Amino acid sequence: MRLIVARFIAILFLVIPGVIACLGFLNVKNALFHYFADFGNDAVTPSFEWWLFISGVIMFFAGAGFIGGWIFFRDRKRNYVAPRFKQKRPRPPKPQPKNE
């Protein structure tokens, strides 16, 4: 039972940022759609919904960045990444010559 709860929580850690990224994408899409759709209506002056657009961009990059970072650090832990992304190991100190 404990393993099932732990896996469910781990799935929620990935689903919630994924939903946030999807909502951000939809906000950006809706802001652009409403702006361009208003050009066909002569009774309305087109205005861009900046707050919807900026909040959508922030939500999208926050959600996608969290998922990307999680995948990157998981792959780094399992040694699946290219050599340039592997963690740098500290060099052992050089032995000092003994002066006697």
PDB file of N, CA and C in Angstrom:
ATOM      1  N   MET A   1       0.818  -1.192   0.000  1.00  0.00           N
ATOM      2  CA  MET A   1       0.000   0.000   0.000  1.00  0.00           C
ATOM      3  C   MET A   1       0.865   1.260   0.000  1.00  0.00           C
ATOM      4  N   ARG A   2       1.960   1.221   0.732  1.00  0.00           N
ATOM      5  CA  ARG A   2       2.838   2.387   0.821  1.00  0.00           C
ATOM      6  C   ARG A   2       3.459   2.711  -0.537  1.00  0.00           C
ATOM      7  N   LEU A   3       3.816   1.662  -1.308  1.00  0.00           N
ATOM      8  CA  LEU A   3       4.413   1.865  -2.632  1.00  0.00           C
ATOM      9  C   LEU A   3       3.398   2.466  -3.603  1.00  0.00           C
ATOM     10  N   ILE A   4       2.148   2.044  -3.487  1.00  0.00           N
ATOM     11  CA  ILE A   4       1.110   2.574  -4.372  1.00  0.00           C
ATOM     12  C   ILE A   4       0.897   4.063  -4.113  1.00  0.00           C
ATOM     13  N   VAL A   5       0.861   4.455  -2.859  1.00  0.00           N
ATOM     14  CA  VAL A   5       0.676   5.868  -2.519  1.00  0.00           C
ATOM     15  C   VAL A   5       1.872   6.688  -2.996  1.00  0.00           C
ATOM     16  N   ALA A   6       3.091   6.149  -2.827  1.00  0.00           N
ATOM     17  CA  ALA A   6       4.282   6.872  -3.267  1.00  0.00           C
ATOM     18  C   ALA A   6       4.281   7.053  -4.786  1.00  0.00           C
ATOM     19  N   ARG A   7       3.879   6.033  -5.514  1.00  0.00           N
ATOM     20  CA  ARG A   7       3.826   6.153  -6.978  1.00  0.00           C
ATOM     21  C   ARG A   7       2.725   7.108  -7.424  1.00  0.00           C
ATOM     22  N   PHE A   8       1.617   7.116  -6.712  1.00  0.00           N
ATOM     23  CA  PHE A   8       0.539   8.042  -7.043  1.00  0.00           C
ATOM     24  C   PHE A   8       0.979   9.484  -6.838  1.00  0.00           C
ATOM     25  N   ILE A   9       1.686   9.736  -5.763  1.00  0.00           N
ATOM     26  CA  ILE A   9       2.204  11.085  -5.505  1.00  0.00           C
ATOM     27  C   ILE A   9       3.221  11.476  -6.573  1.00  0.00           C
ATOM     28  N   ALA A  10       4.068  10.524  -6.987  1.00  0.00           N
ATOM     29  CA  ALA A  10       5.046  10.807  -8.041  1.00  0.00           C
ATOM     30  C   ALA A  10       4.353  11.130  -9.363  1.00  0.00           C
ATOM     31  N   ILE A  11       3.273  10.435  -9.658  1.00  0.00           N
ATOM     32  CA  ILE A  11       2.534  10.734 -10.891  1.00  0.00           C
ATOM     33  C   ILE A  11       1.904  12.118 -10.809  1.00  0.00           C
ATOM     34  N   LEU A  12       1.394  12.479  -9.626  1.00  0.00           N
ATOM     35  CA  LEU A  12       0.821  13.824  -9.471  1.00  0.00           C
ATOM     36  C   LEU A  12       1.861  14.911  -9.667  1.00  0.00           C
ATOM     37  N   PHE A  13       3.112  14.629  -9.250  1.00  0.00           N
ATOM     38  CA  PHE A  13       4.183  15.608  -9.446  1.00  0.00           C
ATOM     39  C   PHE A  13       4.453  15.852 -10.924  1.00  0.00           C
ATOM     40  N   LEU A  14       4.107  14.935 -11.788  1.00  0.00           N
ATOM     41  CA  LEU A  14       4.285  15.137 -13.222  1.00  0.00           C
ATOM     42  C   LEU A  14       3.004  15.600 -13.908  1.00  0.00           C
ATOM     43  N   VAL A  15       1.860  15.168 -13.413  1.00  0.00           N
ATOM     44  CA  VAL A  15       0.595  15.525 -14.060  1.00  0.00           C
ATOM     45  C   VAL A  15       0.248  16.992 -13.813  1.00  0.00           C
ATOM     46  N   ILE A  16       0.440  17.464 -12.605  1.00  0.00           N
ATOM     47  CA  ILE A  16       0.067  18.846 -12.287  1.00  0.00           C
ATOM     48  C   ILE A  16       0.854  19.854 -13.129  1.00  0.00           C
ATOM     49  N   PRO A  17       2.206  19.756 -13.246  1.00  0.00           N
ATOM     50  CA  PRO A  17       2.899  20.685 -14.145  1.00  0.00           C
ATOM     51  C   PRO A  17       2.505  20.503 -15.613  1.00  0.00           C
ATOM     52  N   GLY A  18       2.149  19.272 -16.001  1.00  0.00           N
ATOM     53  CA  GLY A  18       1.688  19.047 -17.371  1.00  0.00           C
ATOM     54  C   GLY A  18       0.373  19.751 -17.644  1.00  0.00           C
ATOM     55  N   VAL A  19      -0.529  19.708 -16.690  1.00  0.00           N
ATOM     56  CA  VAL A  19      -1.817  20.409 -16.833  1.00  0.00           C
ATOM     57  C   VAL A  19      -1.589  21.918 -16.852  1.00  0.00           C
ATOM     58  N   ILE A  20      -0.685  22.407 -16.018  1.00  0.00           N
ATOM     59  CA  ILE A  20      -0.372  23.835 -16.008  1.00  0.00           C
ATOM     60  C   ILE A  20       0.199  24.268 -17.356  1.00  0.00           C
ATOM     61  N   ALA A  21       1.087  23.449 -17.931  1.00  0.00           N
ATOM     62  CA  ALA A  21       1.660  23.772 -19.244  1.00  0.00           C
ATOM     63  C   ALA A  21       0.567  23.769 -20.323  1.00  0.00           C
ATOM     64  N   CYS A  22      -0.358  22.822 -20.250  1.00  0.00           N
ATOM     65  CA  CYS A  22      -1.456  22.789 -21.226  1.00  0.00           C
ATOM     66  C   CYS A  22      -2.353  24.011 -21.103  1.00  0.00           C
ATOM     67  N   LEU A  23      -2.671  24.392 -19.866  1.00  0.00           N
ATOM     68  CA  LEU A  23      -3.500  25.586 -19.669  1.00  0.00           C
ATOM     69  C   LEU A  23      -2.783  26.849 -20.155  1.00  0.00           C
ATOM     70  N   GLY A  24      -1.477  26.907 -19.948  1.00  0.00           N
ATOM     71  CA  GLY A  24      -0.710  28.043 -20.450  1.00  0.00           C
ATOM     72  C   GLY A  24      -0.743  28.117 -21.965  1.00  0.00           C
ATOM     73  N   PHE A  25      -0.595  26.962 -22.616  1.00  0.00           N
ATOM     74  CA  PHE A  25      -0.664  26.928 -24.077  1.00  0.00           C
ATOM     75  C   PHE A  25      -2.042  27.381 -24.552  1.00  0.00           C
ATOM     76  N   LEU A  26      -3.082  26.934 -23.877  1.00  0.00           N
ATOM     77  CA  LEU A  26      -4.436  27.337 -24.265  1.00  0.00           C
ATOM     78  C   LEU A  26      -4.656  28.834 -24.057  1.00  0.00           C
ATOM     79  N   ASN A  27      -4.097  29.410 -22.992  1.00  0.00           N
ATOM     80  CA  ASN A  27      -4.222  30.854 -22.776  1.00  0.00           C
ATOM     81  C   ASN A  27      -3.547  31.642 -23.896  1.00  0.00           C
ATOM     82  N   VAL A  28      -2.355  31.203 -24.305  1.00  0.00           N
ATOM     83  CA  VAL A  28      -1.656  31.881 -25.405  1.00  0.00           C
ATOM     84  C   VAL A  28      -2.467  31.761 -26.691  1.00  0.00           C
ATOM     85  N   LYS A  29      -2.972  30.563 -26.957  1.00  0.00           N
ATOM     86  CA  LYS A  29      -3.767  30.332 -28.169  1.00  0.00           C
ATOM     87  C   LYS A  29      -5.024  31.186 -28.170  1.00  0.00           C
ATOM     88  N   ASN A  30      -5.711  31.259 -27.032  1.00  0.00           N
ATOM     89  CA  ASN A  30      -6.944  32.045 -26.962  1.00  0.00           C
ATOM     90  C   ASN A  30      -6.676  33.540 -27.107  1.00  0.00           C
ATOM     91  N   ALA A  31      -5.595  34.021 -26.525  1.00  0.00           N
ATOM     92  CA  ALA A  31      -5.273  35.447 -26.655  1.00  0.00           C
ATOM     93  C   ALA A  31      -5.005  35.798 -28.122  1.00  0.00           C
ATOM     94  N   LEU A  32      -4.249  34.960 -28.803  1.00  0.00           N
ATOM     95  CA  LEU A  32      -3.968  35.224 -30.219  1.00  0.00           C
ATOM     96  C   LEU A  32      -5.224  35.067 -31.076  1.00  0.00           C
ATOM     97  N   PHE A  33      -6.030  34.040 -30.792  1.00  0.00           N
ATOM     98  CA  PHE A  33      -7.239  33.820 -31.577  1.00  0.00           C
ATOM     99  C   PHE A  33      -8.215  34.980 -31.426  1.00  0.00           C
ATOM    100  N   HIS A  34      -8.446  35.442 -30.203  1.00  0.00           N
ATOM    101  CA  HIS A  34      -9.393  36.544 -29.998  1.00  0.00           C
ATOM    102  C   HIS A  34      -8.920  37.820 -30.679  1.00  0.00           C
ATOM    103  N   TYR A  35      -7.611  38.037 -30.666  1.00  0.00           N
ATOM    104  CA  TYR A  35      -7.080  39.246 -31.317  1.00  0.00           C
ATOM    105  C   TYR A  35      -7.300  39.189 -32.829  1.00  0.00           C
ATOM    106  N   PHE A  36      -6.964  38.062 -33.446  1.00  0.00           N
ATOM    107  CA  PHE A  36      -7.103  37.966 -34.903  1.00  0.00           C
ATOM    108  C   PHE A  36      -8.558  37.798 -35.323  1.00  0.00           C
ATOM    109  N   ALA A  37      -9.402  37.220 -34.485  1.00  0.00           N
ATOM    110  CA  ALA A  37     -10.818  37.053 -34.827  1.00  0.00           C
ATOM    111  C   ALA A  37     -11.545  38.393 -34.801  1.00  0.00           C
ATOM    112  N   ASP A  38     -11.095  39.343 -34.003  1.00  0.00           N
ATOM    113  CA  ASP A  38     -11.745  40.647 -33.934  1.00  0.00           C
ATOM    114  C   ASP A  38     -11.520  41.488 -35.179  1.00  0.00           C
ATOM    115  N   PHE A  39     -10.562  41.114 -36.021  1.00  0.00           N
ATOM    116  CA  PHE A  39     -10.338  41.884 -37.253  1.00  0.00           C
ATOM    117  C   PHE A  39     -11.495  41.739 -38.233  1.00  0.00           C
ATOM    118  N   GLY A  40     -12.244  40.652 -38.162  1.00  0.00           N
ATOM    119  CA  GLY A  40     -13.378  40.463 -39.068  1.00  0.00           C
ATOM    120  C   GLY A  40     -14.635  41.171 -38.617  1.00  0.00           C
ATOM    121  N   ASN A  41     -14.673  41.654 -37.399  1.00  0.00           N
ATOM    122  CA  ASN A  41     -15.856  42.318 -36.854  1.00  0.00           C
ATOM    123  C   ASN A  41     -15.642  43.829 -36.905  1.00  0.00           C
ATOM    124  N   ASP A  42     -16.459  44.517 -37.700  1.00  0.00           N
ATOM    125  CA  ASP A  42     -16.307  45.966 -37.850  1.00  0.00           C
ATOM    126  C   ASP A  42     -16.818  46.736 -36.645  1.00  0.00           C
ATOM    127  N   ALA A  43     -17.652  46.107 -35.807  1.00  0.00           N
ATOM    128  CA  ALA A  43     -18.238  46.807 -34.664  1.00  0.00           C
ATOM    129  C   ALA A  43     -17.273  46.878 -33.479  1.00  0.00           C
ATOM    130  N   VAL A  44     -16.171  46.118 -33.532  1.00  0.00           N
ATOM    131  CA  VAL A  44     -15.247  46.042 -32.394  1.00  0.00           C
ATOM    132  C   VAL A  44     -13.862  46.482 -32.842  1.00  0.00           C
ATOM    133  N   THR A  45     -13.180  47.237 -31.998  1.00  0.00           N
ATOM    134  CA  THR A  45     -11.776  47.572 -32.254  1.00  0.00           C
ATOM    135  C   THR A  45     -10.913  46.460 -31.653  1.00  0.00           C
ATOM    136  N   PRO A  46     -10.069  45.831 -32.472  1.00  0.00           N
ATOM    137  CA  PRO A  46      -9.264  44.730 -31.936  1.00  0.00           C
ATOM    138  C   PRO A  46      -8.307  45.209 -30.837  1.00  0.00           C
ATOM    139  N   SER A  47      -8.295  44.488 -29.735  1.00  0.00           N
ATOM    140  CA  SER A  47      -7.356  44.780 -28.656  1.00  0.00           C
ATOM    141  C   SER A  47      -6.733  43.458 -28.217  1.00  0.00           C
ATOM    142  N   PHE A  48      -5.470  43.516 -27.912  1.00  0.00           N
ATOM    143  CA  PHE A  48      -4.738  42.304 -27.535  1.00  0.00           C
ATOM    144  C   PHE A  48      -4.849  42.090 -26.029  1.00  0.00           C
ATOM    145  N   GLU A  49      -5.114  40.868 -25.628  1.00  0.00           N
ATOM    146  CA  GLU A  49      -5.258  40.520 -24.213  1.00  0.00           C
ATOM    147  C   GLU A  49      -3.880  40.166 -23.662  1.00  0.00           C
ATOM    148  N   TRP A  50      -3.137  41.181 -23.223  1.00  0.00           N
ATOM    149  CA  TRP A  50      -1.758  40.981 -22.787  1.00  0.00           C
ATOM    150  C   TRP A  50      -1.654  40.115 -21.542  1.00  0.00           C
ATOM    151  N   TRP A  51      -2.560  40.335 -20.574  1.00  0.00           N
ATOM    152  CA  TRP A  51      -2.458  39.575 -19.320  1.00  0.00           C
ATOM    153  C   TRP A  51      -2.686  38.093 -19.561  1.00  0.00           C
ATOM    154  N   LEU A  52      -3.615  37.765 -20.421  1.00  0.00           N
ATOM    155  CA  LEU A  52      -3.867  36.363 -20.750  1.00  0.00           C
ATOM    156  C   LEU A  52      -2.671  35.763 -21.470  1.00  0.00           C
ATOM    157  N   PHE A  53      -2.090  36.515 -22.388  1.00  0.00           N
ATOM    158  CA  PHE A  53      -0.945  36.032 -23.151  1.00  0.00           C
ATOM    159  C   PHE A  53       0.279  35.827 -22.258  1.00  0.00           C
ATOM    160  N   ILE A  54       0.606  36.813 -21.430  1.00  0.00           N
ATOM    161  CA  ILE A  54       1.803  36.718 -20.579  1.00  0.00           C
ATOM    162  C   ILE A  54       1.633  35.627 -19.523  1.00  0.00           C
ATOM    163  N   SER A  55       0.445  35.540 -18.926  1.00  0.00           N
ATOM    164  CA  SER A  55       0.236  34.462 -17.945  1.00  0.00           C
ATOM    165  C   SER A  55       0.315  33.098 -18.611  1.00  0.00           C
ATOM    166  N   GLY A  56      -0.142  32.982 -19.839  1.00  0.00           N
ATOM    167  CA  GLY A  56      -0.043  31.721 -20.570  1.00  0.00           C
ATOM    168  C   GLY A  56       1.395  31.345 -20.869  1.00  0.00           C
ATOM    169  N   VAL A  57       2.197  32.320 -21.262  1.00  0.00           N
ATOM    170  CA  VAL A  57       3.614  32.042 -21.537  1.00  0.00           C
ATOM    171  C   VAL A  57       4.325  31.600 -20.265  1.00  0.00           C
ATOM    172  N   ILE A  58       4.055  32.278 -19.165  1.00  0.00           N
ATOM    173  CA  ILE A  58       4.695  31.918 -17.887  1.00  0.00           C
ATOM    174  C   ILE A  58       4.268  30.524 -17.447  1.00  0.00           C
ATOM    175  N   MET A  59       2.971  30.235 -17.543  1.00  0.00           N
ATOM    176  CA  MET A  59       2.486  28.915 -17.142  1.00  0.00           C
ATOM    177  C   MET A  59       3.070  27.816 -18.029  1.00  0.00           C
ATOM    178  N   PHE A  60       3.145  28.072 -19.325  1.00  0.00           N
ATOM    179  CA  PHE A  60       3.674  27.062 -20.239  1.00  0.00           C
ATOM    180  C   PHE A  60       5.143  26.767 -19.943  1.00  0.00           C
ATOM    181  N   PHE A  61       5.957  27.815 -19.817  1.00  0.00           N
ATOM    182  CA  PHE A  61       7.381  27.582 -19.583  1.00  0.00           C
ATOM    183  C   PHE A  61       7.647  27.013 -18.184  1.00  0.00           C
ATOM    184  N   ALA A  62       6.830  27.380 -17.197  1.00  0.00           N
ATOM    185  CA  ALA A  62       7.011  26.809 -15.856  1.00  0.00           C
ATOM    186  C   ALA A  62       6.691  25.317 -15.863  1.00  0.00           C
ATOM    187  N   GLY A  63       5.587  24.933 -16.472  1.00  0.00           N
ATOM    188  CA  GLY A  63       5.212  23.514 -16.516  1.00  0.00           C
ATOM    189  C   GLY A  63       6.157  22.686 -17.360  1.00  0.00           C
ATOM    190  N   ALA A  64       6.471  23.175 -18.554  1.00  0.00           N
ATOM    191  CA  ALA A  64       7.379  22.434 -19.431  1.00  0.00           C
ATOM    192  C   ALA A  64       8.791  22.398 -18.854  1.00  0.00           C
ATOM    193  N   GLY A  65       9.224  23.483 -18.202  1.00  0.00           N
ATOM    194  CA  GLY A  65      10.550  23.509 -17.589  1.00  0.00           C
ATOM    195  C   GLY A  65      10.661  22.544 -16.423  1.00  0.00           C
ATOM    196  N   PHE A  66       9.595  22.424 -15.623  1.00  0.00           N
ATOM    197  CA  PHE A  66       9.619  21.474 -14.520  1.00  0.00           C
ATOM    198  C   PHE A  66       9.724  20.042 -15.038  1.00  0.00           C
ATOM    199  N   ILE A  67       8.922  19.707 -16.037  1.00  0.00           N
ATOM    200  CA  ILE A  67       8.961  18.345 -16.579  1.00  0.00           C
ATOM    201  C   ILE A  67      10.297  18.077 -17.252  1.00  0.00           C
ATOM    202  N   GLY A  68      10.811  19.048 -18.009  1.00  0.00           N
ATOM    203  CA  GLY A  68      12.110  18.878 -18.656  1.00  0.00           C
ATOM    204  C   GLY A  68      13.239  18.723 -17.650  1.00  0.00           C
ATOM    205  N   GLY A  69      13.212  19.517 -16.592  1.00  0.00           N
ATOM    206  CA  GLY A  69      14.237  19.402 -15.557  1.00  0.00           C
ATOM    207  C   GLY A  69      14.161  18.080 -14.829  1.00  0.00           C
ATOM    208  N   TRP A  70      12.948  17.613 -14.571  1.00  0.00           N
ATOM    209  CA  TRP A  70      12.784  16.328 -13.905  1.00  0.00           C
ATOM    210  C   TRP A  70      13.349  15.197 -14.762  1.00  0.00           C
ATOM    211  N   ILE A  71      13.051  15.218 -16.056  1.00  0.00           N
ATOM    212  CA  ILE A  71      13.581  14.193 -16.964  1.00  0.00           C
ATOM    213  C   ILE A  71      15.094  14.291 -17.059  1.00  0.00           C
ATOM    214  N   PHE A  72      15.631  15.516 -17.132  1.00  0.00           N
ATOM    215  CA  PHE A  72      17.079  15.691 -17.242  1.00  0.00           C
ATOM    216  C   PHE A  72      17.803  15.139 -16.010  1.00  0.00           C
ATOM    217  N   PHE A  73      17.335  15.486 -14.817  1.00  0.00           N
ATOM    218  CA  PHE A  73      18.015  15.018 -13.610  1.00  0.00           C
ATOM    219  C   PHE A  73      17.824  13.521 -13.390  1.00  0.00           C
ATOM    220  N   ARG A  74      16.700  12.974 -13.826  1.00  0.00           N
ATOM    221  CA  ARG A  74      16.510  11.519 -13.747  1.00  0.00           C
ATOM    222  C   ARG A  74      17.468  10.810 -14.695  1.00  0.00           C
ATOM    223  N   ASP A  75      17.608  11.340 -15.927  1.00  0.00           N
ATOM    224  CA  ASP A  75      18.538  10.735 -16.881  1.00  0.00           C
ATOM    225  C   ASP A  75      19.981  10.905 -16.438  1.00  0.00           C
ATOM    226  N   ARG A  76      20.287  12.027 -15.794  1.00  0.00           N
ATOM    227  CA  ARG A  76      21.648  12.239 -15.287  1.00  0.00           C
ATOM    228  C   ARG A  76      21.969  11.229 -14.188  1.00  0.00           C
ATOM    229  N   LYS A  77      21.001  10.955 -13.351  1.00  0.00           N
ATOM    230  CA  LYS A  77      21.190   9.992 -12.265  1.00  0.00           C
ATOM    231  C   LYS A  77      21.402   8.582 -12.824  1.00  0.00           C
ATOM    232  N   ARG A  78      20.736   8.250 -13.923  1.00  0.00           N
ATOM    233  CA  ARG A  78      20.847   6.921 -14.523  1.00  0.00           C
ATOM    234  C   ARG A  78      21.939   6.840 -15.580  1.00  0.00           C
ATOM    235  N   ASN A  79      22.676   7.913 -15.777  1.00  0.00           N
ATOM    236  CA  ASN A  79      23.814   7.963 -16.711  1.00  0.00           C
ATOM    237  C   ASN A  79      23.379   7.833 -18.173  1.00  0.00           C
ATOM    238  N   TYR A  80      22.251   8.446 -18.540  1.00  0.00           N
ATOM    239  CA  TYR A  80      21.750   8.411 -19.908  1.00  0.00           C
ATOM    240  C   TYR A  80      22.120   9.651 -20.720  1.00  0.00           C
ATOM    241  N   VAL A  81      22.780  10.626 -20.116  1.00  0.00           N
ATOM    242  CA  VAL A  81      23.037  11.894 -20.788  1.00  0.00           C
ATOM    243  C   VAL A  81      24.402  11.870 -21.467  1.00  0.00           C
ATOM    244  N   ALA A  82      24.610  12.833 -22.343  1.00  0.00           N
ATOM    245  CA  ALA A  82      25.883  12.971 -23.036  1.00  0.00           C
ATOM    246  C   ALA A  82      26.984  13.337 -22.039  1.00  0.00           C
ATOM    247  N   PRO A  83      28.234  13.070 -22.386  1.00  0.00           N
ATOM    248  CA  PRO A  83      29.324  13.349 -21.441  1.00  0.00           C
ATOM    249  C   PRO A  83      29.401  14.801 -20.992  1.00  0.00           C
ATOM    250  N   ARG A  84      29.020  15.744 -21.825  1.00  0.00           N
ATOM    251  CA  ARG A  84      29.125  17.150 -21.419  1.00  0.00           C
ATOM    252  C   ARG A  84      28.109  17.524 -20.350  1.00  0.00           C
ATOM    253  N   PHE A  85      27.045  16.721 -20.173  1.00  0.00           N
ATOM    254  CA  PHE A  85      26.036  17.002 -19.162  1.00  0.00           C
ATOM    255  C   PHE A  85      26.233  16.198 -17.883  1.00  0.00           C
ATOM    256  N   LYS A  86      27.205  15.327 -17.853  1.00  0.00           N
ATOM    257  CA  LYS A  86      27.422  14.516 -16.661  1.00  0.00           C
ATOM    258  C   LYS A  86      27.989  15.389 -15.557  1.00  0.00           C
ATOM    259  N   GLN A  87      27.727  14.985 -14.318  1.00  0.00           N
ATOM    260  CA  GLN A  87      28.215  15.761 -13.184  1.00  0.00           C
ATOM    261  C   GLN A  87      29.729  15.693 -13.133  1.00  0.00           C
ATOM    262  N   LYS A  88      30.303  16.828 -12.832  1.00  0.00           N
ATOM    263  CA  LYS A  88      31.758  16.906 -12.731  1.00  0.00           C
ATOM    264  C   LYS A  88      32.194  16.332 -11.385  1.00  0.00           C
ATOM    265  N   ARG A  89      33.129  15.399 -11.436  1.00  0.00           N
ATOM    266  CA  ARG A  89      33.665  14.843 -10.198  1.00  0.00           C
ATOM    267  C   ARG A  89      34.888  15.654  -9.804  1.00  0.00           C
ATOM    268  N   PRO A  90      34.997  15.958  -8.524  1.00  0.00           N
ATOM    269  CA  PRO A  90      36.181  16.729  -8.105  1.00  0.00           C
ATOM    270  C   PRO A  90      37.444  15.887  -8.263  1.00  0.00           C
ATOM    271  N   ARG A  91      38.517  16.557  -8.691  1.00  0.00           N
ATOM    272  CA  ARG A  91      39.798  15.870  -8.850  1.00  0.00           C
ATOM    273  C   ARG A  91      40.411  15.615  -7.480  1.00  0.00           C
ATOM    274  N   PRO A  92      41.052  14.482  -7.359  1.00  0.00           N
ATOM    275  CA  PRO A  92      41.752  14.273  -6.076  1.00  0.00           C
ATOM    276  C   PRO A  92      42.939  15.227  -5.987  1.00  0.00           C
ATOM    277  N   PRO A  93      43.281  15.651  -4.788  1.00  0.00           N
ATOM    278  CA  PRO A  93      44.402  16.598  -4.662  1.00  0.00           C
ATOM    279  C   PRO A  93      45.710  15.939  -5.092  1.00  0.00           C
ATOM    280  N   LYS A  94      46.577  16.762  -5.692  1.00  0.00           N
ATOM    281  CA  LYS A  94      47.879  16.247  -6.123  1.00  0.00           C
ATOM    282  C   LYS A  94      48.746  15.993  -4.892  1.00  0.00           C
ATOM    283  N   PRO A  95      49.492  14.898  -4.927  1.00  0.00           N
ATOM    284  CA  PRO A  95      50.389  14.668  -3.772  1.00  0.00           C
ATOM    285  C   PRO A  95      51.518  15.695  -3.754  1.00  0.00           C
ATOM    286  N   GLN A  96      51.793  16.214  -2.587  1.00  0.00           N
ATOM    287  CA  GLN A  96      52.856  17.208  -2.440  1.00  0.00           C
ATOM    288  C   GLN A  96      54.188  16.497  -2.230  1.00  0.00           C
ATOM    289  N   PRO A  97      55.235  16.980  -2.915  1.00  0.00           N
ATOM    290  CA  PRO A  97      56.547  16.342  -2.677  1.00  0.00           C
ATOM    291  C   PRO A  97      57.033  16.633  -1.259  1.00  0.00           C
ATOM    292  N   LYS A  98      57.633  15.632  -0.673  1.00  0.00           N
ATOM    293  CA  LYS A  98      58.122  15.798   0.689  1.00  0.00           C
ATOM    294  C   LYS A  98      59.511  16.426   0.642  1.00  0.00           C
ATOM    295  N   ASN A  99      59.678  17.480   1.376  1.00  0.00           N
ATOM    296  CA  ASN A  99      60.984  18.154   1.471  1.00  0.00           C
ATOM    297  C   ASN A  99      61.616  17.778   2.802  1.00  0.00           C
ATOM    298  N   GLU A 100      62.637  16.952   2.741  1.00  0.00           N
ATOM    299  CA  GLU A 100      63.324  16.558   3.978  1.00  0.00           C
ATOM    300  C   GLU A 100      64.772  16.908   3.901  1.00  0.00           C
TER     301      GLU A 100
END
